Amino acid sequence: MDHQKAKHRAQLRRRHHVRRNITGTAERPRLSVFRSSKHIYAQLIDDHSGVTLAAASSTGGEAAYGGNVKAATVVGQKLAEAAKAKGILKAAFDRGHYRYHGRVKALADVAREGGLQF
């Protein structure tokens, strides 16, 4: 039990460390990534008004399993298309407490290729 509390506390510390310098605006929203064991989710958030401007996830998509790099690239592509449809060109990348590696990096790279600048 103590190990789980310590792990969660460390995750919160890392998340706050990353998020301390990142705030989303309407012109440059925060691209927030959440990664679970089976899926990956991404949102473009305007923190000033507290609104999600666009979102994409691996749930309910072509792939039955969303916990791999292939699914993350699909989510990045969907998010870039949704952002482009709303006229969003720039974003501030928020990796949360996750390392910039694997699925998180794949999602970011594909979103950049899709037209988002961060």
Protein backbone atom coordinates (compact mmCIF):
# COMPACT_ATOMS: atom_id res chain seq x y z
CA MET A 1 0.00 0.00 0.00
CA ASP A 2 2.78 2.42 0.87
CA HIS A 3 4.51 1.69 -2.43
CA GLN A 4 1.38 2.67 -4.38
CA LYS A 5 1.03 5.90 -2.41
CA ALA A 6 4.67 6.78 -3.03
CA LYS A 7 4.33 5.99 -6.74
CA HIS A 8 1.20 8.12 -7.05
CA ARG A 9 2.86 10.96 -5.14
CA ALA A 10 5.86 10.82 -7.51
CA GLN A 11 3.54 10.85 -10.54
CA LEU A 12 1.72 13.91 -9.20
CA ARG A 13 5.04 15.66 -8.55
CA ARG A 14 6.20 14.98 -12.12
CA ARG A 15 2.83 16.06 -13.55
CA HIS A 16 2.89 19.35 -11.65
CA HIS A 17 6.52 19.91 -12.63
CA VAL A 18 5.59 19.62 -16.31
CA ARG A 19 2.32 21.52 -16.06
CA ARG A 20 3.73 24.43 -14.04
CA ASN A 21 5.02 26.09 -17.22
CA ILE A 22 2.26 25.04 -19.63
CA THR A 23 -1.10 26.77 -19.93
CA GLY A 24 -3.48 26.51 -22.84
CA THR A 25 -5.13 29.48 -24.49
CA ALA A 26 -7.71 29.67 -27.26
CA GLU A 27 -4.96 30.46 -29.81
CA ARG A 28 -2.46 27.93 -28.41
CA PRO A 29 -4.30 25.21 -26.46
CA ARG A 30 -2.62 22.60 -24.25
CA LEU A 31 -2.32 19.19 -25.93
CA SER A 32 -2.82 16.88 -22.97
CA VAL A 33 -2.01 13.16 -23.29
CA PHE A 34 -3.39 10.40 -21.06
CA ARG A 35 -2.08 6.88 -21.46
CA SER A 36 -3.70 3.84 -19.90
CA SER A 37 -2.62 0.24 -20.33
CA LYS A 38 -5.21 -0.41 -23.06
CA HIS A 39 -5.81 2.99 -24.67
CA ILE A 40 -4.41 6.47 -25.28
CA TYR A 41 -6.32 9.74 -25.20
CA ALA A 42 -5.42 13.27 -26.32
CA GLN A 43 -7.21 16.60 -25.85
CA LEU A 44 -6.67 20.19 -26.88
CA ILE A 45 -7.65 22.26 -23.85
CA ASP A 46 -8.18 26.00 -23.39
CA ASP A 47 -7.26 26.43 -19.72
CA HIS A 48 -8.43 30.04 -19.51
CA SER A 49 -12.05 29.14 -20.25
CA GLY A 50 -11.81 25.50 -19.09
CA VAL A 51 -13.03 24.06 -22.39
CA THR A 52 -11.88 21.07 -24.42
CA LEU A 53 -11.59 22.28 -28.01
CA ALA A 54 -10.83 18.93 -29.68
CA ALA A 55 -10.27 15.36 -28.53
CA ALA A 56 -9.28 11.97 -29.92
CA SER A 57 -8.83 8.54 -28.41
CA SER A 58 -8.11 4.96 -29.35
CA THR A 59 -11.47 3.73 -28.00
CA GLY A 60 -14.02 2.81 -30.62
CA GLY A 61 -11.59 3.11 -33.52
CA GLU A 62 -10.32 0.75 -36.19
CA ALA A 63 -7.88 -0.97 -33.85
CA ALA A 64 -9.35 -3.26 -31.21
CA TYR A 65 -6.34 -2.67 -28.94
CA GLY A 66 -5.20 0.86 -28.28
CA GLY A 67 -2.16 0.23 -26.09
CA ASN A 68 0.51 0.29 -28.77
CA VAL A 69 2.42 2.77 -30.95
CA LYS A 70 0.22 2.03 -33.98
CA ALA A 71 -2.90 3.15 -32.11
CA ALA A 72 -1.09 6.23 -30.80
CA THR A 73 -0.24 7.30 -34.37
CA VAL A 74 -3.90 6.97 -35.36
CA VAL A 75 -4.95 9.10 -32.37
CA GLY A 76 -2.34 11.75 -33.25
CA GLN A 77 -3.64 11.84 -36.81
CA LYS A 78 -7.26 12.18 -35.67
CA LEU A 79 -6.36 14.97 -33.27
CA ALA A 80 -4.42 16.90 -35.92
CA GLU A 81 -7.38 16.63 -38.31
CA ALA A 82 -9.83 17.79 -35.62
CA ALA A 83 -7.55 20.72 -34.75
CA LYS A 84 -7.19 21.72 -38.38
CA ALA A 85 -10.98 21.62 -38.80
CA LYS A 86 -11.32 24.05 -35.87
CA GLY A 87 -8.55 26.30 -37.18
CA ILE A 88 -6.01 25.44 -34.48
CA LEU A 89 -2.42 25.50 -35.76
CA LYS A 90 -0.33 25.78 -32.58
CA ALA A 91 -0.41 23.85 -29.31
CA ALA A 92 1.57 23.44 -26.09
CA PHE A 93 2.46 19.78 -25.55
CA ASP A 94 1.64 18.40 -22.10
CA ARG A 95 3.03 14.90 -21.60
CA GLY A 96 1.74 14.74 -18.02
CA HIS A 97 3.90 12.45 -15.89
CA TYR A 98 4.77 10.18 -18.83
CA ARG A 99 8.20 10.08 -20.41
CA TYR A 100 8.49 11.46 -23.94
CA HIS A 101 8.99 7.99 -25.35
CA GLY A 102 7.06 5.26 -27.11
CA ARG A 103 3.34 5.94 -27.49
CA VAL A 104 3.54 9.52 -26.24
CA LYS A 105 6.35 10.36 -28.67
CA ALA A 106 4.56 8.62 -31.57
CA LEU A 107 1.37 10.62 -30.93
CA ALA A 108 3.35 13.89 -30.78
CA ASP A 109 5.32 13.16 -33.97
CA VAL A 110 2.21 12.33 -35.99
CA ALA A 111 0.35 15.37 -34.65
CA ARG A 112 3.30 17.52 -35.81
CA GLU A 113 3.22 15.89 -39.25
CA GLY A 114 -0.54 16.57 -39.36
CA GLY A 115 0.05 20.30 -39.06
CA LEU A 116 0.12 21.10 -35.35
CA GLN A 117 3.10 23.17 -34.25
CA PHE A 118 4.63 22.67 -30.80
